[in-house]
Amino acid sequence: MAQTTGTKVLTAHVPLPLAEKVDMMAERLERSRGWIMKQALSAWIAQEEERDRLTQEALADVDAGCVIDHQAVQTWADSLSTDEPLPVPVPR
């Protein structure tokens, strides 16, 4: 037997131009407005979860002292426009 997943109605006020784009996309893809909204919300949540994961990873690196000195990065960046760019700086 197939499992059913519960749902919940969420309501949001969106600007008319955005709503019109959703409607045009739904028509073009021959999908419902709800399907478009679920896809968009799922993609946004995945993006935010990845952003949070990367932030936590970066903070763990900082806590572990795995950082690159700002001046080293600036010196490297400045060297990129020269004939002999410096190697990429490495964490200390």
C-alpha atoms as a PDB file:
ATOM      1  CA  MET A   1       0.000   0.000   0.000  1.00  0.00           C
ATOM      2  CA  ALA A   2       1.322   3.469  -0.860  1.00  0.00           C
ATOM      3  CA  GLN A   3       2.199   5.743   2.011  1.00  0.00           C
ATOM      4  CA  THR A   4       0.518   9.109   2.067  1.00  0.00           C
ATOM      5  CA  THR A   5       2.324  12.129   3.325  1.00  0.00           C
ATOM      6  CA  GLY A   6       0.406  14.717   5.264  1.00  0.00           C
ATOM      7  CA  THR A   7       0.244  18.183   3.830  1.00  0.00           C
ATOM      8  CA  LYS A   8      -0.301  21.643   5.188  1.00  0.00           C
ATOM      9  CA  VAL A   9      -1.585  24.694   3.361  1.00  0.00           C
ATOM     10  CA  LEU A  10       0.751  27.674   3.546  1.00  0.00           C
ATOM     11  CA  THR A  11      -0.417  31.092   2.464  1.00  0.00           C
ATOM     12  CA  ALA A  12       1.863  33.865   1.282  1.00  0.00           C
ATOM     13  CA  HIS A  13       1.290  37.229  -0.297  1.00  0.00           C
ATOM     14  CA  VAL A  14       3.549  37.624  -3.318  1.00  0.00           C
ATOM     15  CA  PRO A  15       3.969  40.595  -5.618  1.00  0.00           C
ATOM     16  CA  LEU A  16       1.765  40.428  -8.707  1.00  0.00           C
ATOM     17  CA  PRO A  17       4.704  40.235 -11.161  1.00  0.00           C
ATOM     18  CA  LEU A  18       6.043  37.185  -9.315  1.00  0.00           C
ATOM     19  CA  ALA A  19       2.606  35.551  -9.215  1.00  0.00           C
ATOM     20  CA  GLU A  20       2.248  36.147 -12.946  1.00  0.00           C
ATOM     21  CA  LYS A  21       5.610  34.481 -13.575  1.00  0.00           C
ATOM     22  CA  VAL A  22       4.496  31.473 -11.529  1.00  0.00           C
ATOM     23  CA  ASP A  23       1.311  31.271 -13.570  1.00  0.00           C
ATOM     24  CA  MET A  24       3.237  31.522 -16.858  1.00  0.00           C
ATOM     25  CA  MET A  25       5.685  28.836 -15.721  1.00  0.00           C
ATOM     26  CA  ALA A  26       2.828  26.552 -14.665  1.00  0.00           C
ATOM     27  CA  GLU A  27       1.164  26.977 -18.030  1.00  0.00           C
ATOM     28  CA  ARG A  28       4.382  26.449 -19.967  1.00  0.00           C
ATOM     29  CA  LEU A  29       5.245  23.289 -18.018  1.00  0.00           C
ATOM     30  CA  GLU A  30       1.642  22.096 -17.937  1.00  0.00           C
ATOM     31  CA  ARG A  31       1.829  21.807 -14.159  1.00  0.00           C
ATOM     32  CA  SER A  32      -0.258  23.259 -11.383  1.00  0.00           C
ATOM     33  CA  ARG A  33       0.620  26.457  -9.578  1.00  0.00           C
ATOM     34  CA  GLY A  34       0.975  24.359  -6.404  1.00  0.00           C
ATOM     35  CA  TRP A  35       3.491  22.058  -8.099  1.00  0.00           C
ATOM     36  CA  ILE A  36       5.579  25.059  -9.178  1.00  0.00           C
ATOM     37  CA  MET A  37       5.481  26.474  -5.658  1.00  0.00           C
ATOM     38  CA  LYS A  38       6.508  23.127  -4.107  1.00  0.00           C
ATOM     39  CA  GLN A  39       9.439  22.864  -6.511  1.00  0.00           C
ATOM     40  CA  ALA A  40      10.555  26.417  -5.771  1.00  0.00           C
ATOM     41  CA  LEU A  41      10.226  26.007  -2.015  1.00  0.00           C
ATOM     42  CA  SER A  42      12.064  22.677  -2.054  1.00  0.00           C
ATOM     43  CA  ALA A  43      14.934  24.182  -4.063  1.00  0.00           C
ATOM     44  CA  TRP A  44      15.173  27.198  -1.740  1.00  0.00           C
ATOM     45  CA  ILE A  45      15.188  25.024   1.378  1.00  0.00           C
ATOM     46  CA  ALA A  46      17.898  22.783  -0.105  1.00  0.00           C
ATOM     47  CA  GLN A  47      19.964  25.881  -0.927  1.00  0.00           C
ATOM     48  CA  GLU A  48      19.578  27.274   2.593  1.00  0.00           C
ATOM     49  CA  GLU A  49      20.443  23.912   4.168  1.00  0.00           C
ATOM     50  CA  GLU A  50      23.601  23.754   2.051  1.00  0.00           C
ATOM     51  CA  ARG A  51      24.483  27.342   2.983  1.00  0.00           C
ATOM     52  CA  ASP A  52      24.076  26.439   6.665  1.00  0.00           C
ATOM     53  CA  ARG A  53      26.179  23.278   6.249  1.00  0.00           C
ATOM     54  CA  LEU A  54      28.972  25.256   4.594  1.00  0.00           C
ATOM     55  CA  THR A  55      28.785  27.952   7.273  1.00  0.00           C
ATOM     56  CA  GLN A  56      29.054  25.348  10.040  1.00  0.00           C
ATOM     57  CA  GLU A  57      31.993  23.738   8.220  1.00  0.00           C
ATOM     58  CA  ALA A  58      33.733  27.121   7.895  1.00  0.00           C
ATOM     59  CA  LEU A  59      33.144  27.944  11.564  1.00  0.00           C
ATOM     60  CA  ALA A  60      34.602  24.567  12.551  1.00  0.00           C
ATOM     61  CA  ASP A  61      37.697  25.395  10.465  1.00  0.00           C
ATOM     62  CA  VAL A  62      38.015  28.742  12.246  1.00  0.00           C
ATOM     63  CA  ASP A  63      37.620  27.059  15.640  1.00  0.00           C
ATOM     64  CA  ALA A  64      40.349  24.590  14.626  1.00  0.00           C
ATOM     65  CA  GLY A  65      42.629  27.464  13.606  1.00  0.00           C
ATOM     66  CA  CYS A  66      42.587  26.417   9.956  1.00  0.00           C
ATOM     67  CA  VAL A  67      42.555  29.933   8.498  1.00  0.00           C
ATOM     68  CA  ILE A  68      44.447  32.033   5.973  1.00  0.00           C
ATOM     69  CA  ASP A  69      45.751  35.426   7.016  1.00  0.00           C
ATOM     70  CA  HIS A  70      43.907  38.287   5.303  1.00  0.00           C
ATOM     71  CA  GLN A  71      47.149  39.983   4.265  1.00  0.00           C
ATOM     72  CA  ALA A  72      48.347  36.744   2.638  1.00  0.00           C
ATOM     73  CA  VAL A  73      45.139  36.545   0.609  1.00  0.00           C
ATOM     74  CA  GLN A  74      45.399  40.230  -0.354  1.00  0.00           C
ATOM     75  CA  THR A  75      49.024  39.833  -1.445  1.00  0.00           C
ATOM     76  CA  TRP A  76      48.098  36.754  -3.500  1.00  0.00           C
ATOM     77  CA  ALA A  77      45.095  38.520  -5.083  1.00  0.00           C
ATOM     78  CA  ASP A  78      47.228  41.536  -5.963  1.00  0.00           C
ATOM     79  CA  SER A  79      49.779  39.230  -7.604  1.00  0.00           C
ATOM     80  CA  LEU A  80      47.189  37.777  -9.991  1.00  0.00           C
ATOM     81  CA  SER A  81      47.467  40.814 -12.258  1.00  0.00           C
ATOM     82  CA  THR A  82      51.256  40.468 -12.532  1.00  0.00           C
ATOM     83  CA  ASP A  83      53.406  38.390 -14.856  1.00  0.00           C
ATOM     84  CA  GLU A  84      54.343  36.088 -11.962  1.00  0.00           C
ATOM     85  CA  PRO A  85      51.336  35.399  -9.729  1.00  0.00           C
ATOM     86  CA  LEU A  86      52.040  33.904  -6.323  1.00  0.00           C
ATOM     87  CA  PRO A  87      50.861  30.403  -5.421  1.00  0.00           C
ATOM     88  CA  VAL A  88      47.513  30.142  -3.655  1.00  0.00           C
ATOM     89  CA  PRO A  89      48.021  30.695   0.061  1.00  0.00           C
ATOM     90  CA  VAL A  90      47.421  27.705   2.317  1.00  0.00           C
ATOM     91  CA  PRO A  91      45.839  27.626   5.773  1.00  0.00           C
ATOM     92  CA  ARG A  92      48.247  27.848   8.662  1.00  0.00           C
END
